[in-house]
Amino acid sequence: MSRVALLGEGPLPGAATVDTSFAQLRLAQLFTGLRADHDVHVVDVRSDDARLALRDLRPWAVVTAGTFGPTRAAMAAIGQEPLCIDLPGDPFADAQMVAAFGSAEAVAAEAQAVFVPALLRGDAFTTISGPSRHALLGQLGLLGRLARTPPGEEWALVTPVAWEFPGLVEAAPRAPGLPVRVALVGGFNTWFDGETLLDGLLRAMDRAPIQVEVVGGPIPGHHTETWSTFVGRARASAHAGAFRFRDRLPPAELARVLGTCTVGVVLDRPGYEPEFGSRTRVLLYLHQGLRVIATTRCELARDLAAGGWIEAVPMQDPTALADALLAPAAALPDRAPLRARYGIAATTAGVRAWAARPARRARHGDADAMAALARERDTLRETLATVYASPTFKAIDRLRRLGKR
């Protein structure tokens, strides 16, 4: 049994304040899977003493759960321990979507600063889908690391989202013929198509009585205008009374609200993030017995649509969404295959096996030099930012601009 340090964003699994955000679900999934075979200690990367906690644990292996925050913490605190880095999606595809609503240069620089050193240092990686695994292998090949890997040795471990949700008991499928009551649960993140969603809901409401339960809201660091626009337009519409808005809810209250709903909707914007990522909320809706209508850019949604568990709609087509909402609901197929395929035991099998025999992996000959250059670049950026913000520089720059007039 290995002693494993699991780095993630709290609250810790089992805490009364746990919710269904992706960061906490991912932490709970890896914690539950790993502790079946290993001695697992969770380190909350948002705490001030994460580095000291990792040092005091003296783990045999370190595993991260989540993307930016856990990766930053691991790279700041890691020593010589074997390290498995969780990449649930592709960080560079995420950056493409974020850059579309902000400074592309700044977003690209941030992704490179965090993940190039991580790709050079990681001894194994967990991904969330087949496409994201392929993207990861391409990145590792570009950095020269695949050439040092014996054929047949697996270190890009697909770890899909899990069927289990802490605090939520699986609910029975809804009976046919119930009124349409839509559930929209989770964050309105950058790749969530709130515009098409609202247009489709309003068109359906023009034709039939529909109620909407919105549980969640904007996510700091994402394109929050999607949320504010959705709320503003919904409240200004002729169907304002059909919408109910709630903040994130603890599991028991979330289950109660979902128990009043009949259908969940998930729509993606165009871009590579949906192709390389996944959609936890699709499984959440199915777990709670809802009919699901979704775009199918990600592997999970495509597989579920092929099995008849969800209904596919094209991207950016509000009329298709309205038609789907008002169409008679088909009976939900048996969910037993989903329990087996996406159960925690099945989804974490790869990382559990790696943690049983964690080892450092050969690195490309230039890896240390590249990591050092990345650190030096970041230090220079911080130094330049300090210089540019100083009163002396501002005064000299003002005089220089005056001299050019």
Protein backbone atom coordinates (compact mmCIF):
# COMPACT_ATOMS: atom_id res chain seq x y z
CA MET A 1 0.00 0.00 0.00
CA SER A 2 1.52 3.31 -1.12
CA ARG A 3 1.30 6.55 0.85
CA VAL A 4 -0.22 8.97 -1.66
CA ALA A 5 -0.56 12.75 -1.36
CA LEU A 6 -3.61 13.92 -3.31
CA LEU A 7 -3.55 17.63 -4.17
CA GLY A 8 -6.91 19.24 -4.89
CA GLU A 9 -9.23 22.13 -4.15
CA GLY A 10 -11.24 21.64 -0.93
CA PRO A 11 -13.46 21.29 0.94
CA LEU A 12 -12.09 17.85 1.57
CA PRO A 13 -14.12 14.73 0.75
CA GLY A 14 -16.70 14.07 3.44
CA ALA A 15 -16.95 17.70 4.55
CA ALA A 16 -20.45 19.03 5.20
CA THR A 17 -19.85 21.88 2.74
CA VAL A 18 -18.95 19.71 -0.26
CA ASP A 19 -20.83 20.60 -3.47
CA THR A 20 -21.09 19.41 -7.05
CA SER A 21 -18.50 21.76 -8.56
CA PHE A 22 -16.12 19.95 -10.90
CA ALA A 23 -13.07 20.62 -8.70
CA GLN A 24 -14.68 18.93 -5.70
CA LEU A 25 -16.18 16.07 -7.70
CA ARG A 26 -12.79 15.33 -9.27
CA LEU A 27 -11.09 15.39 -5.86
CA ALA A 28 -13.75 13.07 -4.42
CA GLN A 29 -13.49 10.69 -7.39
CA LEU A 30 -9.72 10.27 -7.17
CA PHE A 31 -9.76 10.14 -3.36
CA THR A 32 -12.42 7.43 -3.28
CA GLY A 33 -10.70 5.41 -6.00
CA LEU A 34 -7.18 5.65 -4.60
CA ARG A 35 -8.06 4.95 -0.99
CA ALA A 36 -9.42 1.53 -1.97
CA ASP A 37 -5.81 0.40 -2.43
CA HIS A 38 -3.62 3.10 -0.86
CA ASP A 39 -3.04 5.30 2.17
CA VAL A 40 -4.33 8.63 0.79
CA HIS A 41 -3.75 12.05 2.39
CA VAL A 42 -5.57 15.02 0.84
CA VAL A 43 -3.78 18.39 0.67
CA ASP A 44 -6.00 21.40 -0.01
CA VAL A 45 -4.00 23.50 -2.46
CA ARG A 46 -5.90 26.64 -1.45
CA SER A 47 -4.46 26.49 2.08
CA ASP A 48 -1.42 28.57 3.01
CA ASP A 49 0.61 25.59 4.15
CA ALA A 50 0.12 23.21 1.20
CA ARG A 51 3.87 23.04 0.55
CA LEU A 52 4.68 22.28 4.21
CA ALA A 53 1.90 19.69 4.36
CA LEU A 54 3.30 17.87 1.36
CA ARG A 55 6.82 17.95 2.78
CA ASP A 56 5.67 16.62 6.18
CA LEU A 57 3.71 13.77 4.61
CA ARG A 58 6.79 12.39 2.82
CA PRO A 59 4.55 10.50 0.34
CA TRP A 60 5.65 7.75 -1.97
CA ALA A 61 3.74 9.42 -4.78
CA VAL A 62 1.89 12.68 -5.48
CA VAL A 63 -1.33 12.86 -7.52
CA THR A 64 -3.17 16.04 -8.50
CA ALA A 65 -6.95 16.37 -8.94
CA GLY A 66 -8.01 19.23 -11.20
CA THR A 67 -6.25 21.56 -13.58
CA PHE A 68 -4.68 24.97 -12.85
CA GLY A 69 -4.63 25.25 -9.04
CA PRO A 70 -3.47 21.71 -8.24
CA THR A 71 -0.88 21.79 -11.05
CA ARG A 72 0.59 25.08 -9.79
CA ALA A 73 0.72 23.73 -6.24
CA ALA A 74 2.37 20.48 -7.29
CA MET A 75 5.04 22.22 -9.34
CA ALA A 76 5.80 24.60 -6.46
CA ALA A 77 6.01 21.88 -3.82
CA ILE A 78 7.23 18.71 -5.54
CA GLY A 79 10.62 17.26 -4.69
CA GLN A 80 11.82 13.95 -6.08
CA GLU A 81 8.55 12.08 -5.52
CA PRO A 82 6.88 10.42 -8.52
CA LEU A 83 4.17 12.78 -9.76
CA CYS A 84 0.92 12.02 -11.60
CA ILE A 85 -0.67 15.19 -13.02
CA ASP A 86 -4.40 15.34 -13.67
CA LEU A 87 -5.32 17.05 -16.95
CA PRO A 88 -9.14 16.71 -17.14
CA GLY A 89 -9.39 18.18 -20.61
CA ASP A 90 -6.73 20.09 -22.50
CA PRO A 91 -5.42 23.29 -20.85
CA PHE A 92 -4.43 24.80 -24.18
CA ALA A 93 -7.91 24.20 -25.60
CA ASP A 94 -9.30 25.81 -22.44
CA ALA A 95 -7.02 28.78 -23.11
CA GLN A 96 -8.38 29.10 -26.66
CA MET A 97 -11.91 29.56 -25.31
CA VAL A 98 -10.88 31.98 -22.56
CA ALA A 99 -8.76 34.00 -25.00
CA ALA A 100 -11.80 34.53 -27.23
CA PHE A 101 -13.23 36.76 -24.49
CA GLY A 102 -10.02 38.38 -23.21
CA SER A 103 -6.33 38.95 -23.89
CA ALA A 104 -5.16 36.09 -26.08
CA GLU A 105 -1.48 36.82 -25.41
CA ALA A 106 -1.90 36.83 -21.63
CA VAL A 107 -4.01 33.67 -21.62
CA ALA A 108 -1.59 31.78 -23.88
CA ALA A 109 1.38 32.88 -21.77
CA GLU A 110 -0.34 31.72 -18.59
CA ALA A 111 -1.14 28.28 -20.02
CA GLN A 112 2.43 27.84 -21.25
CA ALA A 113 3.95 29.04 -17.98
CA VAL A 114 1.93 26.54 -15.93
CA PHE A 115 1.74 23.48 -18.14
CA VAL A 116 4.97 23.28 -20.15
CA PRO A 117 7.02 22.72 -16.96
CA ALA A 118 4.32 20.31 -15.73
CA LEU A 119 4.43 18.29 -18.96
CA LEU A 120 8.19 18.11 -18.62
CA ARG A 121 8.07 17.00 -14.97
CA GLY A 122 5.09 14.61 -14.77
CA ASP A 123 5.80 10.90 -14.40
CA ALA A 124 2.22 9.97 -15.35
CA PHE A 125 -0.89 11.88 -16.41
CA THR A 126 -4.62 11.34 -16.01
CA THR A 127 -6.89 12.65 -18.75
CA ILE A 128 -10.67 12.75 -19.06
CA SER A 129 -11.29 11.28 -22.53
CA GLY A 130 -9.70 9.56 -25.49
CA PRO A 131 -9.33 12.83 -27.46
CA SER A 132 -7.66 14.59 -24.51
CA ARG A 133 -5.27 11.65 -24.19
CA HIS A 134 -4.32 12.04 -27.84
CA ALA A 135 -3.71 15.77 -27.37
CA LEU A 136 -1.52 15.02 -24.34
CA LEU A 137 0.53 12.43 -26.24
CA GLY A 138 1.11 14.96 -29.00
CA GLN A 139 2.35 17.52 -26.49
CA LEU A 140 4.64 14.99 -24.83
CA GLY A 141 5.97 14.00 -28.23
CA LEU A 142 6.68 17.61 -29.14
CA LEU A 143 8.65 17.98 -25.89
CA GLY A 144 10.68 14.90 -26.75
CA ARG A 145 9.38 12.71 -23.93
CA LEU A 146 7.72 9.94 -25.97
CA ALA A 147 11.05 9.01 -27.54
CA ARG A 148 12.27 7.99 -24.06
CA THR A 149 9.22 5.81 -23.34
CA PRO A 150 9.37 2.05 -24.08
CA PRO A 151 6.58 0.97 -26.48
CA GLY A 152 3.61 -0.48 -24.64
CA GLU A 153 4.31 1.40 -21.41
CA GLU A 154 1.19 3.42 -20.55
CA TRP A 155 1.46 6.71 -18.70
CA ALA A 156 -1.42 8.71 -20.20
CA LEU A 157 -4.28 7.27 -18.14
CA VAL A 158 -7.85 7.98 -19.28
CA THR A 159 -9.92 8.76 -16.18
CA PRO A 160 -13.46 9.73 -17.28
CA VAL A 161 -15.87 11.55 -15.00
CA ALA A 162 -17.56 9.23 -12.50
CA TRP A 163 -21.17 8.13 -12.11
CA GLU A 164 -21.07 8.60 -8.33
CA PHE A 165 -21.89 12.02 -6.83
CA PRO A 166 -21.15 12.62 -3.11
CA GLY A 167 -24.32 13.10 -1.10
CA LEU A 168 -26.66 12.21 -3.98
CA VAL A 169 -28.60 8.94 -4.20
CA GLU A 170 -29.41 7.68 -7.69
CA ALA A 171 -32.99 8.65 -8.55
CA ALA A 172 -35.57 6.80 -10.61
CA PRO A 173 -36.26 7.94 -14.20
CA ARG A 174 -39.18 10.34 -14.58
CA ALA A 175 -42.54 8.98 -15.68
CA PRO A 176 -43.57 9.96 -19.25
CA GLY A 177 -46.10 12.73 -19.80
CA LEU A 178 -44.99 15.06 -16.99
CA PRO A 179 -44.83 18.83 -17.63
CA VAL A 180 -41.51 20.12 -18.99
CA ARG A 181 -39.45 21.47 -16.11
CA VAL A 182 -35.86 22.20 -17.12
CA ALA A 183 -32.85 21.86 -14.80
CA LEU A 184 -29.75 23.96 -15.46
CA VAL A 185 -27.17 22.97 -12.85
CA GLY A 186 -23.57 24.13 -12.58
CA GLY A 187 -21.42 27.05 -13.58
CA PHE A 188 -22.00 29.20 -16.63
CA ASN A 189 -18.40 28.75 -17.75
CA THR A 190 -16.66 30.09 -20.84
CA TRP A 191 -17.64 27.19 -23.10
CA PHE A 192 -21.28 27.07 -21.99
CA ASP A 193 -23.56 28.42 -24.75
CA GLY A 194 -25.96 30.50 -22.67
CA GLU A 195 -27.16 32.54 -25.65
CA THR A 196 -28.47 29.59 -27.66
CA LEU A 197 -29.85 28.05 -24.49
CA LEU A 198 -31.95 31.08 -23.62
CA ASP A 199 -33.15 31.59 -27.19
CA GLY A 200 -34.26 27.97 -27.36
CA LEU A 201 -36.00 28.10 -23.97
CA LEU A 202 -37.90 31.27 -24.87
CA ARG A 203 -39.01 29.82 -28.22
CA ALA A 204 -40.27 26.70 -26.48
CA MET A 205 -42.06 28.84 -23.86
CA ASP A 206 -43.88 30.67 -26.65
CA ARG A 207 -45.43 27.33 -27.60
CA ALA A 208 -46.02 25.61 -24.25
CA PRO A 209 -45.77 26.19 -20.48
CA ILE A 210 -42.21 25.41 -19.35
CA GLN A 211 -40.52 26.06 -16.01
CA VAL A 212 -36.76 26.44 -15.53
CA GLU A 213 -34.71 25.82 -12.37
CA VAL A 214 -31.25 27.44 -12.56
CA VAL A 215 -28.83 26.26 -9.85
CA GLY A 216 -25.37 27.78 -10.06
CA GLY A 217 -24.07 30.95 -11.63
CA PRO A 218 -20.92 32.64 -12.87
CA ILE A 219 -17.46 31.17 -12.24
CA PRO A 220 -14.63 33.55 -11.24
CA GLY A 221 -11.98 33.65 -13.94
CA HIS A 222 -14.41 32.62 -16.66
CA HIS A 223 -16.46 34.75 -19.06
CA THR A 224 -19.02 35.94 -16.53
CA GLU A 225 -20.92 38.01 -19.09
CA THR A 226 -22.60 34.80 -20.30
CA TRP A 227 -24.30 34.56 -16.91
CA SER A 228 -25.24 38.23 -16.57
CA THR A 229 -26.67 38.32 -20.10
CA PHE A 230 -28.69 35.13 -19.51
CA VAL A 231 -30.17 36.44 -16.26
CA GLY A 232 -30.88 39.91 -17.66
CA ARG A 233 -32.61 38.67 -20.80
CA ALA A 234 -34.59 36.01 -18.93
CA ARG A 235 -35.90 38.52 -16.39
CA ALA A 236 -36.74 41.04 -19.11
CA SER A 237 -38.60 38.48 -21.24
CA ALA A 238 -42.33 37.81 -21.39
CA HIS A 239 -41.60 34.54 -19.56
CA ALA A 240 -39.69 36.00 -16.61
CA GLY A 241 -41.94 34.20 -14.12
CA ALA A 242 -40.95 30.81 -15.53
CA PHE A 243 -37.33 31.14 -14.31
CA ARG A 244 -36.14 30.47 -10.78
CA PHE A 245 -32.52 31.28 -9.92
CA ARG A 246 -30.63 29.69 -7.03
CA ASP A 247 -27.01 29.72 -5.87
CA ARG A 248 -25.07 26.46 -5.55
CA LEU A 249 -26.87 24.06 -3.24
CA PRO A 250 -25.68 21.33 -0.85
CA PRO A 251 -26.38 17.82 -2.16
CA ALA A 252 -29.59 17.19 -0.18
CA GLU A 253 -31.21 20.43 -1.36
CA LEU A 254 -29.95 19.92 -4.91
CA ALA A 255 -31.56 16.47 -4.99
CA ARG A 256 -34.85 17.99 -3.84
CA VAL A 257 -34.79 20.61 -6.61
CA LEU A 258 -33.81 18.10 -9.28
CA GLY A 259 -36.64 15.88 -8.09
CA THR A 260 -39.07 18.53 -9.35
CA CYS A 261 -37.47 18.64 -12.83
CA THR A 262 -37.92 16.41 -15.86
CA VAL A 263 -35.13 17.38 -18.29
CA GLY A 264 -31.56 18.69 -18.15
CA VAL A 265 -29.95 20.69 -20.96
CA VAL A 266 -26.22 21.07 -21.77
CA LEU A 267 -25.08 23.18 -24.75
CA ASP A 268 -21.49 23.83 -25.86
CA ARG A 269 -20.00 26.70 -27.83
CA PRO A 270 -17.84 25.90 -30.88
CA GLY A 271 -14.16 25.37 -30.04
CA TYR A 272 -11.69 22.66 -29.08
CA GLU A 273 -12.47 22.60 -25.35
CA PRO A 274 -15.70 20.60 -25.86
CA GLU A 275 -13.85 18.19 -28.13
CA PHE A 276 -11.10 17.45 -25.61
CA GLY A 277 -13.15 17.87 -22.43
CA SER A 278 -16.18 16.19 -20.90
CA ARG A 279 -19.52 17.11 -19.35
CA THR A 280 -20.04 15.96 -15.78
CA ARG A 281 -23.48 17.55 -15.58
CA VAL A 282 -24.74 15.20 -18.31
CA LEU A 283 -24.03 12.23 -16.04
CA LEU A 284 -25.46 14.15 -13.07
CA TYR A 285 -28.80 14.60 -14.84
CA LEU A 286 -28.92 10.93 -15.84
CA HIS A 287 -27.97 9.89 -12.31
CA GLN A 288 -30.93 11.88 -10.99
CA GLY A 289 -33.37 10.32 -13.47
CA LEU A 290 -33.77 13.24 -15.87
CA ARG A 291 -34.13 13.16 -19.61
CA VAL A 292 -31.07 14.89 -21.14
CA ILE A 293 -30.80 17.11 -24.23
CA ALA A 294 -27.24 18.05 -25.19
CA THR A 295 -24.79 18.94 -27.90
CA THR A 296 -22.41 16.06 -28.57
CA ARG A 297 -18.96 17.51 -29.20
CA CYS A 298 -17.33 15.65 -26.30
CA GLU A 299 -16.67 11.91 -26.27
CA LEU A 300 -18.92 11.30 -23.26
CA ALA A 301 -21.95 12.94 -24.87
CA ARG A 302 -21.37 11.14 -28.18
CA ASP A 303 -21.18 7.76 -26.45
CA LEU A 304 -24.31 8.46 -24.40
CA ALA A 305 -26.23 9.62 -27.48
CA ALA A 306 -25.18 6.49 -29.38
CA GLY A 307 -26.54 4.38 -26.51
CA GLY A 308 -29.85 6.24 -26.47
CA TRP A 309 -29.35 7.75 -23.00
CA ILE A 310 -29.35 11.37 -24.18
CA GLU A 311 -30.90 13.31 -27.09
CA ALA A 312 -28.48 15.15 -29.36
CA VAL A 313 -29.08 18.65 -30.74
CA PRO A 314 -26.80 20.64 -33.08
CA MET A 315 -24.73 23.52 -31.75
CA GLN A 316 -26.06 27.07 -31.97
CA ASP A 317 -29.53 25.99 -33.09
CA PRO A 318 -32.21 27.37 -30.72
CA THR A 319 -35.06 26.08 -32.87
CA ALA A 320 -33.74 22.52 -32.63
CA LEU A 321 -33.52 22.90 -28.85
CA ALA A 322 -37.10 24.18 -28.63
CA ASP A 323 -38.36 21.32 -30.80
CA ALA A 324 -36.50 18.76 -28.66
CA LEU A 325 -37.90 20.18 -25.43
CA LEU A 326 -41.46 19.91 -26.70
CA ALA A 327 -41.11 16.49 -28.37
CA PRO A 328 -42.45 13.45 -26.51
CA ALA A 329 -39.80 11.96 -24.23
CA ALA A 330 -38.54 8.49 -25.03
CA ALA A 331 -38.11 5.93 -22.26
CA LEU A 332 -34.66 6.08 -20.65
CA PRO A 333 -32.62 2.90 -21.35
CA ASP A 334 -31.37 0.77 -18.47
CA ARG A 335 -28.61 2.69 -16.67
CA ALA A 336 -26.77 -0.40 -15.43
CA PRO A 337 -24.11 -0.12 -18.18
CA LEU A 338 -23.42 3.46 -17.06
CA ARG A 339 -22.89 2.37 -13.46
CA ALA A 340 -20.33 -0.19 -14.62
CA ARG A 341 -18.56 1.96 -17.23
CA TYR A 342 -18.37 5.19 -15.21
CA GLY A 343 -18.18 3.82 -11.69
CA ILE A 344 -15.27 5.01 -9.58
CA ALA A 345 -13.61 1.58 -9.56
CA ALA A 346 -13.57 1.48 -13.37
CA THR A 347 -12.63 5.11 -14.01
CA THR A 348 -9.72 5.14 -11.54
CA ALA A 349 -8.23 1.76 -12.39
CA GLY A 350 -5.29 3.28 -14.27
CA VAL A 351 -4.18 5.75 -11.60
CA ARG A 352 -4.61 3.13 -8.85
CA ALA A 353 -2.32 0.76 -10.74
CA TRP A 354 0.27 3.52 -11.26
CA ALA A 355 0.18 4.46 -7.56
CA ALA A 356 0.91 0.83 -6.65
CA ARG A 357 4.30 1.11 -8.41
CA PRO A 358 5.07 4.82 -8.70
CA ALA A 359 8.38 5.64 -10.32
CA ARG A 360 10.19 8.57 -11.84
CA ARG A 361 10.22 8.57 -15.63
CA ALA A 362 13.08 9.33 -17.97
CA ARG A 363 13.02 12.89 -19.23
CA HIS A 364 14.17 14.41 -22.49
CA GLY A 365 17.78 15.59 -22.35
CA ASP A 366 16.72 19.24 -22.66
CA ALA A 367 13.90 19.03 -20.14
CA ASP A 368 15.84 20.50 -17.22
CA ALA A 369 17.14 23.32 -19.39
CA MET A 370 13.65 24.11 -20.71
CA ALA A 371 12.17 24.07 -17.21
CA ALA A 372 14.95 26.37 -16.02
CA LEU A 373 14.27 28.75 -18.91
CA ALA A 374 10.57 28.78 -18.08
CA ARG A 375 11.35 29.63 -14.44
CA GLU A 376 13.80 32.34 -15.51
CA ARG A 377 11.20 33.81 -17.87
CA ASP A 378 8.61 33.96 -15.08
CA THR A 379 11.12 35.61 -12.74
CA LEU A 380 11.99 38.21 -15.37
CA ARG A 381 8.30 38.95 -15.95
CA GLU A 382 7.78 39.55 -12.23
CA THR A 383 10.88 41.76 -12.07
CA LEU A 384 9.81 43.81 -15.08
CA ALA A 385 6.31 44.24 -13.67
CA THR A 386 7.84 45.60 -10.44
CA VAL A 387 10.11 47.97 -12.38
CA TYR A 388 7.29 49.26 -14.58
CA ALA A 389 5.14 49.92 -11.50
CA SER A 390 7.86 51.86 -9.65
CA PRO A 391 7.60 55.69 -9.29
CA THR A 392 11.11 56.10 -10.74
CA PHE A 393 10.27 54.28 -13.96
CA LYS A 394 6.99 56.14 -14.32
CA ALA A 395 8.76 59.49 -13.92
CA ILE A 396 11.48 58.59 -16.45
CA ASP A 397 8.89 57.27 -18.89
CA ARG A 398 6.87 60.47 -18.56
CA LEU A 399 9.98 62.56 -19.33
CA ARG A 400 10.82 60.34 -22.31
CA ARG A 401 7.33 60.81 -23.78
CA LEU A 402 7.51 64.55 -23.21
CA GLY A 403 10.84 64.66 -25.05
CA LYS A 404 9.27 63.02 -28.11
CA ARG A 405 6.65 65.74 -28.49
